[in-house]
Amino acid sequence: MAENSSEIRYLTPPNIELNKEKYCRFQKNRIKYIDYKDEKFLLQFVNEQGKLLPRRITGTSLKYQRKVAQAVKRARHLALMPYVADMLK
């Protein structure tokens, strides 16, 4: 028993954050137009409270982040998406 005391065992593996390479999905998939009527797609860029996720989290480029923001605002205006939500997802 004393020989294995230096060995550390975990019940669950420790969370090791891997730095995933961020990329703009619009540039990669060559998407030119972001449709404001597709609320299921736009929900990927919104958190549980209904706020827009920043670029540093989504990896979206500046050009397309502005287009996403405009599309979300239009969808909210037409009541396709809520302005505020408790638990949206």
PDB file of N, CA and C in Angstrom:
ATOM      1  N   MET A   1       0.817  -1.203   0.000  1.00  0.00           N
ATOM      2  CA  MET A   1       0.000   0.000   0.000  1.00  0.00           C
ATOM      3  C   MET A   1       0.855   1.258   0.000  1.00  0.00           C
ATOM      4  N   ALA A   2       1.966   1.238   0.733  1.00  0.00           N
ATOM      5  CA  ALA A   2       2.815   2.412   0.848  1.00  0.00           C
ATOM      6  C   ALA A   2       3.467   2.745  -0.490  1.00  0.00           C
ATOM      7  N   GLU A   3       3.669   1.761  -1.336  1.00  0.00           N
ATOM      8  CA  GLU A   3       4.297   2.003  -2.630  1.00  0.00           C
ATOM      9  C   GLU A   3       3.380   2.785  -3.562  1.00  0.00           C
ATOM     10  N   ASN A   4       2.067   2.569  -3.485  1.00  0.00           N
ATOM     11  CA  ASN A   4       1.102   3.238  -4.360  1.00  0.00           C
ATOM     12  C   ASN A   4       0.627   4.569  -3.813  1.00  0.00           C
ATOM     13  N   SER A   5       1.107   4.999  -2.651  1.00  0.00           N
ATOM     14  CA  SER A   5       0.622   6.240  -2.039  1.00  0.00           C
ATOM     15  C   SER A   5       1.060   7.470  -2.839  1.00  0.00           C
ATOM     16  N   SER A   6       2.150   7.388  -3.582  1.00  0.00           N
ATOM     17  CA  SER A   6       2.597   8.523  -4.384  1.00  0.00           C
ATOM     18  C   SER A   6       1.775   8.666  -5.664  1.00  0.00           C
ATOM     19  N   GLU A   7       1.061   7.629  -6.007  1.00  0.00           N
ATOM     20  CA  GLU A   7       0.234   7.653  -7.207  1.00  0.00           C
ATOM     21  C   GLU A   7      -1.085   8.347  -6.904  1.00  0.00           C
ATOM     22  N   ILE A   8      -1.477   9.280  -7.720  1.00  0.00           N
ATOM     23  CA  ILE A   8      -2.729  10.007  -7.510  1.00  0.00           C
ATOM     24  C   ILE A   8      -3.789   9.413  -8.420  1.00  0.00           C
ATOM     25  N   ARG A   9      -4.892   9.027  -7.833  1.00  0.00           N
ATOM     26  CA  ARG A   9      -6.007   8.461  -8.596  1.00  0.00           C
ATOM     27  C   ARG A   9      -7.192   9.397  -8.481  1.00  0.00           C
ATOM     28  N   TYR A  10      -7.878   9.618  -9.586  1.00  0.00           N
ATOM     29  CA  TYR A  10      -9.061  10.465  -9.619  1.00  0.00           C
ATOM     30  C   TYR A  10     -10.284   9.604  -9.904  1.00  0.00           C
ATOM     31  N   LEU A  11     -11.396   9.945  -9.256  1.00  0.00           N
ATOM     32  CA  LEU A  11     -12.651   9.276  -9.585  1.00  0.00           C
ATOM     33  C   LEU A  11     -13.122   9.716 -10.964  1.00  0.00           C
ATOM     34  N   THR A  12     -13.015  11.005 -11.200  1.00  0.00           N
ATOM     35  CA  THR A  12     -13.316  11.544 -12.526  1.00  0.00           C
ATOM     36  C   THR A  12     -12.051  12.206 -13.041  1.00  0.00           C
ATOM     37  N   PRO A  13     -11.795  12.145 -14.322  1.00  0.00           N
ATOM     38  CA  PRO A  13     -10.570  12.772 -14.836  1.00  0.00           C
ATOM     39  C   PRO A  13     -10.627  14.295 -14.660  1.00  0.00           C
ATOM     40  N   PRO A  14      -9.505  14.913 -14.353  1.00  0.00           N
ATOM     41  CA  PRO A  14      -9.495  16.372 -14.171  1.00  0.00           C
ATOM     42  C   PRO A  14      -9.795  17.077 -15.492  1.00  0.00           C
ATOM     43  N   ASN A  15     -10.431  18.221 -15.366  1.00  0.00           N
ATOM     44  CA  ASN A  15     -10.774  18.996 -16.563  1.00  0.00           C
ATOM     45  C   ASN A  15      -9.522  19.680 -17.104  1.00  0.00           C
ATOM     46  N   ILE A  16      -9.118  19.263 -18.252  1.00  0.00           N
ATOM     47  CA  ILE A  16      -7.977  19.874 -18.924  1.00  0.00           C
ATOM     48  C   ILE A  16      -8.523  20.594 -20.137  1.00  0.00           C
ATOM     49  N   GLU A  17      -8.383  21.910 -20.127  1.00  0.00           N
ATOM     50  CA  GLU A  17      -8.928  22.696 -21.226  1.00  0.00           C
ATOM     51  C   GLU A  17      -7.992  22.619 -22.420  1.00  0.00           C
ATOM     52  N   LEU A  18      -8.498  22.141 -23.528  1.00  0.00           N
ATOM     53  CA  LEU A  18      -7.723  22.108 -24.754  1.00  0.00           C
ATOM     54  C   LEU A  18      -8.080  23.345 -25.561  1.00  0.00           C
ATOM     55  N   ASN A  19      -7.084  24.041 -26.023  1.00  0.00           N
ATOM     56  CA  ASN A  19      -7.330  25.235 -26.822  1.00  0.00           C
ATOM     57  C   ASN A  19      -7.722  24.815 -28.227  1.00  0.00           C
ATOM     58  N   LYS A  20      -9.026  24.856 -28.483  1.00  0.00           N
ATOM     59  CA  LYS A  20      -9.491  24.538 -29.820  1.00  0.00           C
ATOM     60  C   LYS A  20      -9.189  25.719 -30.734  1.00  0.00           C
ATOM     61  N   GLU A  21      -8.841  25.415 -31.933  1.00  0.00           N
ATOM     62  CA  GLU A  21      -8.539  26.475 -32.877  1.00  0.00           C
ATOM     63  C   GLU A  21      -9.836  27.147 -33.294  1.00  0.00           C
ATOM     64  N   LYS A  22      -9.914  28.452 -33.099  1.00  0.00           N
ATOM     65  CA  LYS A  22     -11.119  29.184 -33.454  1.00  0.00           C
ATOM     66  C   LYS A  22     -11.088  29.506 -34.944  1.00  0.00           C
ATOM     67  N   TYR A  23     -12.255  29.463 -35.537  1.00  0.00           N
ATOM     68  CA  TYR A  23     -12.360  29.800 -36.950  1.00  0.00           C
ATOM     69  C   TYR A  23     -13.723  30.420 -37.195  1.00  0.00           C
ATOM     70  N   CYS A  24     -13.797  31.186 -38.235  1.00  0.00           N
ATOM     71  CA  CYS A  24     -15.066  31.795 -38.615  1.00  0.00           C
ATOM     72  C   CYS A  24     -15.819  30.799 -39.490  1.00  0.00           C
ATOM     73  N   ARG A  25     -16.948  30.324 -39.006  1.00  0.00           N
ATOM     74  CA  ARG A  25     -17.702  29.308 -39.750  1.00  0.00           C
ATOM     75  C   ARG A  25     -18.290  29.867 -41.041  1.00  0.00           C
ATOM     76  N   PHE A  26     -18.466  31.181 -41.101  1.00  0.00           N
ATOM     77  CA  PHE A  26     -19.019  31.795 -42.312  1.00  0.00           C
ATOM     78  C   PHE A  26     -17.977  31.829 -43.425  1.00  0.00           C
ATOM     79  N   GLN A  27     -16.735  32.147 -43.065  1.00  0.00           N
ATOM     80  CA  GLN A  27     -15.672  32.153 -44.062  1.00  0.00           C
ATOM     81  C   GLN A  27     -15.310  30.739 -44.491  1.00  0.00           C
ATOM     82  N   LYS A  28     -15.328  29.812 -43.547  1.00  0.00           N
ATOM     83  CA  LYS A  28     -14.956  28.441 -43.863  1.00  0.00           C
ATOM     84  C   LYS A  28     -15.982  27.788 -44.792  1.00  0.00           C
ATOM     85  N   ASN A  29     -17.267  28.036 -44.531  1.00  0.00           N
ATOM     86  CA  ASN A  29     -18.333  27.440 -45.339  1.00  0.00           C
ATOM     87  C   ASN A  29     -18.801  28.344 -46.476  1.00  0.00           C
ATOM     88  N   ARG A  30     -18.130  29.471 -46.639  1.00  0.00           N
ATOM     89  CA  ARG A  30     -18.441  30.447 -47.694  1.00  0.00           C
ATOM     90  C   ARG A  30     -19.902  30.893 -47.664  1.00  0.00           C
ATOM     91  N   ILE A  31     -20.379  31.254 -46.467  1.00  0.00           N
ATOM     92  CA  ILE A  31     -21.743  31.765 -46.303  1.00  0.00           C
ATOM     93  C   ILE A  31     -21.693  33.275 -46.498  1.00  0.00           C
ATOM     94  N   LYS A  32     -22.459  33.768 -47.427  1.00  0.00           N
ATOM     95  CA  LYS A  32     -22.464  35.204 -47.722  1.00  0.00           C
ATOM     96  C   LYS A  32     -23.599  35.927 -46.995  1.00  0.00           C
ATOM     97  N   TYR A  33     -24.759  35.269 -46.926  1.00  0.00           N
ATOM     98  CA  TYR A  33     -25.948  35.918 -46.378  1.00  0.00           C
ATOM     99  C   TYR A  33     -26.406  35.179 -45.125  1.00  0.00           C
ATOM    100  N   ILE A  34     -26.654  35.930 -44.058  1.00  0.00           N
ATOM    101  CA  ILE A  34     -27.161  35.351 -42.818  1.00  0.00           C
ATOM    102  C   ILE A  34     -28.654  35.661 -42.759  1.00  0.00           C
ATOM    103  N   ASP A  35     -29.456  34.612 -42.807  1.00  0.00           N
ATOM    104  CA  ASP A  35     -30.902  34.771 -42.881  1.00  0.00           C
ATOM    105  C   ASP A  35     -31.472  35.039 -41.489  1.00  0.00           C
ATOM    106  N   TYR A  36     -32.157  36.163 -41.320  1.00  0.00           N
ATOM    107  CA  TYR A  36     -32.737  36.500 -40.029  1.00  0.00           C
ATOM    108  C   TYR A  36     -33.974  35.669 -39.719  1.00  0.00           C
ATOM    109  N   LYS A  37     -34.529  34.985 -40.726  1.00  0.00           N
ATOM    110  CA  LYS A  37     -35.731  34.168 -40.511  1.00  0.00           C
ATOM    111  C   LYS A  37     -35.392  32.767 -40.001  1.00  0.00           C
ATOM    112  N   ASP A  38     -34.111  32.418 -39.982  1.00  0.00           N
ATOM    113  CA  ASP A  38     -33.676  31.106 -39.501  1.00  0.00           C
ATOM    114  C   ASP A  38     -33.274  31.229 -38.029  1.00  0.00           C
ATOM    115  N   GLU A  39     -34.283  31.202 -37.146  1.00  0.00           N
ATOM    116  CA  GLU A  39     -34.017  31.444 -35.723  1.00  0.00           C
ATOM    117  C   GLU A  39     -33.259  30.304 -35.065  1.00  0.00           C
ATOM    118  N   LYS A  40     -33.374  29.089 -35.564  1.00  0.00           N
ATOM    119  CA  LYS A  40     -32.633  27.962 -34.984  1.00  0.00           C
ATOM    120  C   LYS A  40     -31.127  28.130 -35.195  1.00  0.00           C
ATOM    121  N   PHE A  41     -30.740  28.653 -36.339  1.00  0.00           N
ATOM    122  CA  PHE A  41     -29.323  28.912 -36.612  1.00  0.00           C
ATOM    123  C   PHE A  41     -28.820  30.075 -35.759  1.00  0.00           C
ATOM    124  N   LEU A  42     -29.646  31.105 -35.610  1.00  0.00           N
ATOM    125  CA  LEU A  42     -29.231  32.280 -34.849  1.00  0.00           C
ATOM    126  C   LEU A  42     -29.136  31.997 -33.352  1.00  0.00           C
ATOM    127  N   LEU A  43     -29.832  30.966 -32.865  1.00  0.00           N
ATOM    128  CA  LEU A  43     -29.755  30.625 -31.441  1.00  0.00           C
ATOM    129  C   LEU A  43     -28.363  30.146 -31.043  1.00  0.00           C
ATOM    130  N   GLN A  44     -27.551  29.728 -31.997  1.00  0.00           N
ATOM    131  CA  GLN A  44     -26.181  29.310 -31.705  1.00  0.00           C
ATOM    132  C   GLN A  44     -25.310  30.479 -31.267  1.00  0.00           C
ATOM    133  N   PHE A  45     -25.725  31.695 -31.609  1.00  0.00           N
ATOM    134  CA  PHE A  45     -24.927  32.888 -31.310  1.00  0.00           C
ATOM    135  C   PHE A  45     -25.496  33.672 -30.143  1.00  0.00           C
ATOM    136  N   VAL A  46     -26.423  33.050 -29.384  1.00  0.00           N
ATOM    137  CA  VAL A  46     -27.087  33.714 -28.275  1.00  0.00           C
ATOM    138  C   VAL A  46     -26.958  32.825 -27.045  1.00  0.00           C
ATOM    139  N   ASN A  47     -26.737  33.423 -25.862  1.00  0.00           N
ATOM    140  CA  ASN A  47     -26.634  32.613 -24.651  1.00  0.00           C
ATOM    141  C   ASN A  47     -28.013  32.371 -24.038  1.00  0.00           C
ATOM    142  N   GLU A  48     -28.054  31.785 -22.825  1.00  0.00           N
ATOM    143  CA  GLU A  48     -29.326  31.403 -22.209  1.00  0.00           C
ATOM    144  C   GLU A  48     -30.212  32.596 -21.893  1.00  0.00           C
ATOM    145  N   GLN A  49     -29.609  33.746 -21.617  1.00  0.00           N
ATOM    146  CA  GLN A  49     -30.395  34.942 -21.302  1.00  0.00           C
ATOM    147  C   GLN A  49     -30.879  35.671 -22.545  1.00  0.00           C
ATOM    148  N   GLY A  50     -30.386  35.268 -23.712  1.00  0.00           N
ATOM    149  CA  GLY A  50     -30.787  35.933 -24.943  1.00  0.00           C
ATOM    150  C   GLY A  50     -29.790  36.976 -25.420  1.00  0.00           C
ATOM    151  N   LYS A  51     -28.618  37.054 -24.769  1.00  0.00           N
ATOM    152  CA  LYS A  51     -27.599  38.024 -25.170  1.00  0.00           C
ATOM    153  C   LYS A  51     -26.729  37.431 -26.271  1.00  0.00           C
ATOM    154  N   LEU A  52     -26.226  38.298 -27.123  1.00  0.00           N
ATOM    155  CA  LEU A  52     -25.314  37.859 -28.180  1.00  0.00           C
ATOM    156  C   LEU A  52     -23.988  37.414 -27.581  1.00  0.00           C
ATOM    157  N   LEU A  53     -23.464  36.313 -28.087  1.00  0.00           N
ATOM    158  CA  LEU A  53     -22.159  35.846 -27.641  1.00  0.00           C
ATOM    159  C   LEU A  53     -21.060  36.655 -28.327  1.00  0.00           C
ATOM    160  N   PRO A  54     -19.985  36.974 -27.612  1.00  0.00           N
ATOM    161  CA  PRO A  54     -18.916  37.772 -28.225  1.00  0.00           C
ATOM    162  C   PRO A  54     -18.083  36.963 -29.212  1.00  0.00           C
ATOM    163  N   ARG A  55     -17.325  37.683 -30.008  1.00  0.00           N
ATOM    164  CA  ARG A  55     -16.478  37.076 -31.041  1.00  0.00           C
ATOM    165  C   ARG A  55     -15.418  36.172 -30.452  1.00  0.00           C
ATOM    166  N   ARG A  56     -14.901  36.529 -29.292  1.00  0.00           N
ATOM    167  CA  ARG A  56     -13.825  35.741 -28.695  1.00  0.00           C
ATOM    168  C   ARG A  56     -14.304  34.361 -28.282  1.00  0.00           C
ATOM    169  N   ILE A  57     -15.602  34.188 -28.096  1.00  0.00           N
ATOM    170  CA  ILE A  57     -16.148  32.874 -27.753  1.00  0.00           C
ATOM    171  C   ILE A  57     -16.539  32.106 -29.012  1.00  0.00           C
ATOM    172  N   THR A  58     -17.227  32.762 -29.941  1.00  0.00           N
ATOM    173  CA  THR A  58     -17.710  32.066 -31.135  1.00  0.00           C
ATOM    174  C   THR A  58     -16.636  31.921 -32.200  1.00  0.00           C
ATOM    175  N   GLY A  59     -15.666  32.828 -32.228  1.00  0.00           N
ATOM    176  CA  GLY A  59     -14.628  32.771 -33.247  1.00  0.00           C
ATOM    177  C   GLY A  59     -15.034  33.407 -34.560  1.00  0.00           C
ATOM    178  N   THR A  60     -16.166  34.073 -34.577  1.00  0.00           N
ATOM    179  CA  THR A  60     -16.663  34.713 -35.793  1.00  0.00           C
ATOM    180  C   THR A  60     -15.828  35.952 -36.107  1.00  0.00           C
ATOM    181  N   SER A  61     -15.590  36.204 -37.389  1.00  0.00           N
ATOM    182  CA  SER A  61     -14.830  37.389 -37.774  1.00  0.00           C
ATOM    183  C   SER A  61     -15.701  38.640 -37.583  1.00  0.00           C
ATOM    184  N   LEU A  62     -15.054  39.785 -37.573  1.00  0.00           N
ATOM    185  CA  LEU A  62     -15.746  41.047 -37.303  1.00  0.00           C
ATOM    186  C   LEU A  62     -16.853  41.325 -38.316  1.00  0.00           C
ATOM    187  N   LYS A  63     -16.560  41.083 -39.567  1.00  0.00           N
ATOM    188  CA  LYS A  63     -17.523  41.338 -40.642  1.00  0.00           C
ATOM    189  C   LYS A  63     -18.808  40.533 -40.431  1.00  0.00           C
ATOM    190  N   TYR A  64     -18.656  39.253 -40.118  1.00  0.00           N
ATOM    191  CA  TYR A  64     -19.824  38.400 -39.962  1.00  0.00           C
ATOM    192  C   TYR A  64     -20.466  38.536 -38.588  1.00  0.00           C
ATOM    193  N   GLN A  65     -19.703  38.965 -37.579  1.00  0.00           N
ATOM    194  CA  GLN A  65     -20.298  39.221 -36.267  1.00  0.00           C
ATOM    195  C   GLN A  65     -21.293  40.371 -36.365  1.00  0.00           C
ATOM    196  N   ARG A  66     -20.962  41.367 -37.153  1.00  0.00           N
ATOM    197  CA  ARG A  66     -21.891  42.490 -37.358  1.00  0.00           C
ATOM    198  C   ARG A  66     -23.146  42.033 -38.081  1.00  0.00           C
ATOM    199  N   LYS A  67     -22.978  41.146 -39.066  1.00  0.00           N
ATOM    200  CA  LYS A  67     -24.136  40.629 -39.797  1.00  0.00           C
ATOM    201  C   LYS A  67     -25.002  39.747 -38.904  1.00  0.00           C
ATOM    202  N   VAL A  68     -24.375  38.962 -38.022  1.00  0.00           N
ATOM    203  CA  VAL A  68     -25.121  38.134 -37.076  1.00  0.00           C
ATOM    204  C   VAL A  68     -25.912  39.023 -36.123  1.00  0.00           C
ATOM    205  N   ALA A  69     -25.273  40.062 -35.617  1.00  0.00           N
ATOM    206  CA  ALA A  69     -25.945  40.978 -34.694  1.00  0.00           C
ATOM    207  C   ALA A  69     -27.153  41.617 -35.355  1.00  0.00           C
ATOM    208  N   GLN A  70     -26.997  42.053 -36.602  1.00  0.00           N
ATOM    209  CA  GLN A  70     -28.104  42.667 -37.331  1.00  0.00           C
ATOM    210  C   GLN A  70     -29.230  41.666 -37.561  1.00  0.00           C
ATOM    211  N   ALA A  71     -28.886  40.423 -37.889  1.00  0.00           N
ATOM    212  CA  ALA A  71     -29.901  39.391 -38.129  1.00  0.00           C
ATOM    213  C   ALA A  71     -30.657  39.061 -36.843  1.00  0.00           C
ATOM    214  N   VAL A  72     -29.945  38.993 -35.715  1.00  0.00           N
ATOM    215  CA  VAL A  72     -30.603  38.717 -34.433  1.00  0.00           C
ATOM    216  C   VAL A  72     -31.540  39.859 -34.072  1.00  0.00           C
ATOM    217  N   LYS A  73     -31.116  41.086 -34.291  1.00  0.00           N
ATOM    218  CA  LYS A  73     -31.967  42.238 -33.994  1.00  0.00           C
ATOM    219  C   LYS A  73     -33.222  42.238 -34.861  1.00  0.00           C
ATOM    220  N   ARG A  74     -33.086  41.874 -36.119  1.00  0.00           N
ATOM    221  CA  ARG A  74     -34.255  41.801 -36.995  1.00  0.00           C
ATOM    222  C   ARG A  74     -35.201  40.688 -36.569  1.00  0.00           C
ATOM    223  N   ALA A  75     -34.637  39.540 -36.182  1.00  0.00           N
ATOM    224  CA  ALA A  75     -35.463  38.420 -35.734  1.00  0.00           C
ATOM    225  C   ALA A  75     -36.196  38.768 -34.441  1.00  0.00           C
ATOM    226  N   ARG A  76     -35.548  39.505 -33.565  1.00  0.00           N
ATOM    227  CA  ARG A  76     -36.216  39.944 -32.335  1.00  0.00           C
ATOM    228  C   ARG A  76     -37.346  40.915 -32.648  1.00  0.00           C
ATOM    229  N   HIS A  77     -37.099  41.816 -33.566  1.00  0.00           N
ATOM    230  CA  HIS A  77     -38.105  42.815 -33.932  1.00  0.00           C
ATOM    231  C   HIS A  77     -39.353  42.152 -34.509  1.00  0.00           C
ATOM    232  N   LEU A  78     -39.184  41.081 -35.265  1.00  0.00           N
ATOM    233  CA  LEU A  78     -40.314  40.365 -35.854  1.00  0.00           C
ATOM    234  C   LEU A  78     -40.855  39.272 -34.933  1.00  0.00           C
ATOM    235  N   ALA A  79     -40.388  39.233 -33.687  1.00  0.00           N
ATOM    236  CA  ALA A  79     -40.841  38.282 -32.665  1.00  0.00           C
ATOM    237  C   ALA A  79     -40.518  36.838 -33.034  1.00  0.00           C
ATOM    238  N   LEU A  80     -39.469  36.619 -33.823  1.00  0.00           N
ATOM    239  CA  LEU A  80     -39.001  35.260 -34.083  1.00  0.00           C
ATOM    240  C   LEU A  80     -38.103  34.770 -32.952  1.00  0.00           C
ATOM    241  N   MET A  81     -37.441  35.717 -32.298  1.00  0.00           N
ATOM    242  CA  MET A  81     -36.575  35.419 -31.155  1.00  0.00           C
ATOM    243  C   MET A  81     -36.947  36.351 -30.013  1.00  0.00           C
ATOM    244  N   PRO A  82     -36.785  35.890 -28.763  1.00  0.00           N
ATOM    245  CA  PRO A  82     -37.100  36.764 -27.626  1.00  0.00           C
ATOM    246  C   PRO A  82     -35.978  37.766 -27.362  1.00  0.00           C
ATOM    247  N   TYR A  83     -36.347  38.925 -26.825  1.00  0.00           N
ATOM    248  CA  TYR A  83     -35.338  39.889 -26.407  1.00  0.00           C
ATOM    249  C   TYR A  83     -34.641  39.406 -25.130  1.00  0.00           C
ATOM    250  N   VAL A  84     -35.442  38.899 -24.192  1.00  0.00           N
ATOM    251  CA  VAL A  84     -34.934  38.438 -22.911  1.00  0.00           C
ATOM    252  C   VAL A  84     -35.574  37.079 -22.630  1.00  0.00           C
ATOM    253  N   ALA A  85     -34.782  36.151 -22.081  1.00  0.00           N
ATOM    254  CA  ALA A  85     -35.317  34.831 -21.744  1.00  0.00           C
ATOM    255  C   ALA A  85     -34.633  34.330 -20.485  1.00  0.00           C
ATOM    256  N   ASP A  86     -35.347  33.500 -19.719  1.00  0.00           N
ATOM    257  CA  ASP A  86     -34.762  32.912 -18.514  1.00  0.00           C
ATOM    258  C   ASP A  86     -33.803  31.801 -18.893  1.00  0.00           C
ATOM    259  N   MET A  87     -34.316  30.765 -19.511  1.00  0.00           N
ATOM    260  CA  MET A  87     -33.484  29.672 -19.975  1.00  0.00           C
ATOM    261  C   MET A  87     -33.874  29.367 -21.400  1.00  0.00           C
ATOM    262  N   LEU A  88     -33.212  29.992 -22.325  1.00  0.00           N
ATOM    263  CA  LEU A  88     -33.568  29.905 -23.753  1.00  0.00           C
ATOM    264  C   LEU A  88     -33.228  28.554 -24.335  1.00  0.00           C
ATOM    265  N   LYS A  89     -32.072  28.006 -23.965  1.00  0.00           N
ATOM    266  CA  LYS A  89     -31.620  26.748 -24.571  1.00  0.00           C
ATOM    267  C   LYS A  89     -31.923  25.562 -23.696  1.00  0.00           C
TER     268      LYS A  89
END
